Amino acid sequence: MELGRVIGRLQATQRTENLDGVKFLIVQPLGEDLSPAGRPLVAVDGAQAGPGDLVYWVKGREGAMVLPEPYACVDAGIAGIVDSVDLEGE
């Protein structure tokens, strides 16, 4: 799992049948210090996240596991919304 911040939403009028009703969000991956790390990506929303939310997400085949239909063609999925982060040693 990785941390990210939801920075937008993607609208898609054409999609495969098993993605009907699924929300697509744009996620900015974050590093250990919660600063942006890498390029934003599109992830399916399995946690009812919204803009500005700190989320944890998974990539690869596991990305589809956040959906009711786990065999959707998905590369990344939001698995949960983060309530708080405590960093030790700072």
Protein backbone atom coordinates (compact mmCIF):
# COMPACT_ATOMS: atom_id res chain seq x y z
CA MET A 1 0.00 0.00 0.00
CA GLU A 2 1.05 3.56 -0.63
CA LEU A 3 -0.12 6.95 0.56
CA GLY A 4 -1.58 9.59 -1.72
CA ARG A 5 -3.75 12.70 -1.79
CA VAL A 6 -6.85 12.96 -4.00
CA ILE A 7 -6.31 15.98 -6.25
CA GLY A 8 -9.12 15.57 -8.76
CA ARG A 9 -11.71 13.46 -10.48
CA LEU A 10 -11.81 11.91 -13.93
CA GLN A 11 -15.02 11.61 -15.95
CA ALA A 12 -15.30 8.78 -18.48
CA THR A 13 -18.38 8.48 -20.68
CA GLN A 14 -17.21 5.24 -22.29
CA ARG A 15 -16.12 2.38 -20.02
CA THR A 16 -16.27 -1.38 -19.81
CA GLU A 17 -19.43 -2.84 -18.32
CA ASN A 18 -17.79 -3.97 -15.08
CA LEU A 19 -16.76 -0.35 -14.35
CA ASP A 20 -20.28 1.11 -14.61
CA GLY A 21 -20.96 3.29 -11.57
CA VAL A 22 -17.31 3.29 -10.44
CA LYS A 23 -15.75 6.66 -9.54
CA PHE A 24 -12.30 7.50 -10.92
CA LEU A 25 -10.09 9.83 -8.87
CA ILE A 26 -6.73 11.43 -9.59
CA VAL A 27 -4.24 10.65 -6.82
CA GLN A 28 -0.91 12.35 -6.13
CA PRO A 29 1.44 9.73 -4.63
CA LEU A 30 3.20 10.88 -1.45
CA GLY A 31 6.60 10.08 0.06
CA GLU A 32 7.39 9.16 3.64
CA ASP A 33 7.32 12.84 4.66
CA LEU A 34 3.91 13.25 2.93
CA SER A 35 5.36 15.44 0.16
CA PRO A 36 4.48 14.74 -3.51
CA ALA A 37 6.47 11.82 -4.92
CA GLY A 38 6.04 10.99 -8.57
CA ARG A 39 3.38 11.68 -11.15
CA PRO A 40 -0.34 11.72 -10.38
CA LEU A 41 -2.31 8.63 -11.40
CA VAL A 42 -5.91 7.57 -11.91
CA ALA A 43 -7.34 5.14 -9.35
CA VAL A 44 -10.78 3.63 -8.87
CA ASP A 45 -12.45 4.65 -5.63
CA GLY A 46 -13.23 1.78 -3.29
CA ALA A 47 -13.50 3.96 -0.17
CA GLN A 48 -15.80 6.88 -1.08
CA ALA A 49 -12.88 9.34 -1.02
CA GLY A 50 -13.05 12.90 -2.24
CA PRO A 51 -10.83 15.85 -3.19
CA GLY A 52 -8.19 16.62 -0.56
CA ASP A 53 -8.51 13.27 1.24
CA LEU A 54 -5.36 11.47 2.34
CA VAL A 55 -5.79 7.90 1.13
CA TYR A 56 -3.96 4.61 0.92
CA TRP A 57 -3.99 2.89 -2.42
CA VAL A 58 -2.76 -0.29 -4.05
CA LYS A 59 -1.49 -0.85 -7.55
CA GLY A 60 -1.31 -3.72 -9.97
CA ARG A 61 -3.77 -6.60 -9.88
CA GLU A 62 -4.67 -5.78 -6.27
CA GLY A 63 -6.05 -2.41 -7.41
CA ALA A 64 -9.19 -4.12 -8.70
CA MET A 65 -9.76 -5.88 -5.38
CA VAL A 66 -11.27 -2.68 -3.91
CA LEU A 67 -14.29 -3.12 -6.21
CA PRO A 68 -17.28 -5.44 -5.87
CA GLU A 69 -16.25 -6.99 -9.21
CA PRO A 70 -12.59 -7.96 -8.63
CA TYR A 71 -11.94 -8.85 -12.29
CA ALA A 72 -12.23 -5.31 -13.64
CA CYS A 73 -9.38 -3.94 -15.78
CA VAL A 74 -7.84 -1.63 -13.16
CA ASP A 75 -4.23 -0.64 -12.41
CA ALA A 76 -4.77 1.22 -9.11
CA GLY A 77 -7.47 1.37 -6.46
CA ILE A 78 -8.10 3.45 -3.36
CA ALA A 79 -8.50 1.03 -0.45
CA GLY A 80 -9.13 3.48 2.40
CA ILE A 81 -9.12 7.00 3.78
CA VAL A 82 -6.39 7.86 6.30
CA ASP A 83 -7.58 9.43 9.57
CA SER A 84 -4.14 10.28 10.99
CA VAL A 85 -0.43 9.68 10.50
CA ASP A 86 2.14 9.52 13.31
CA LEU A 87 5.78 9.61 12.25
CA GLU A 88 8.37 8.47 14.81
CA GLY A 89 11.87 9.90 15.09
CA GLU A 90 10.99 13.38 13.90
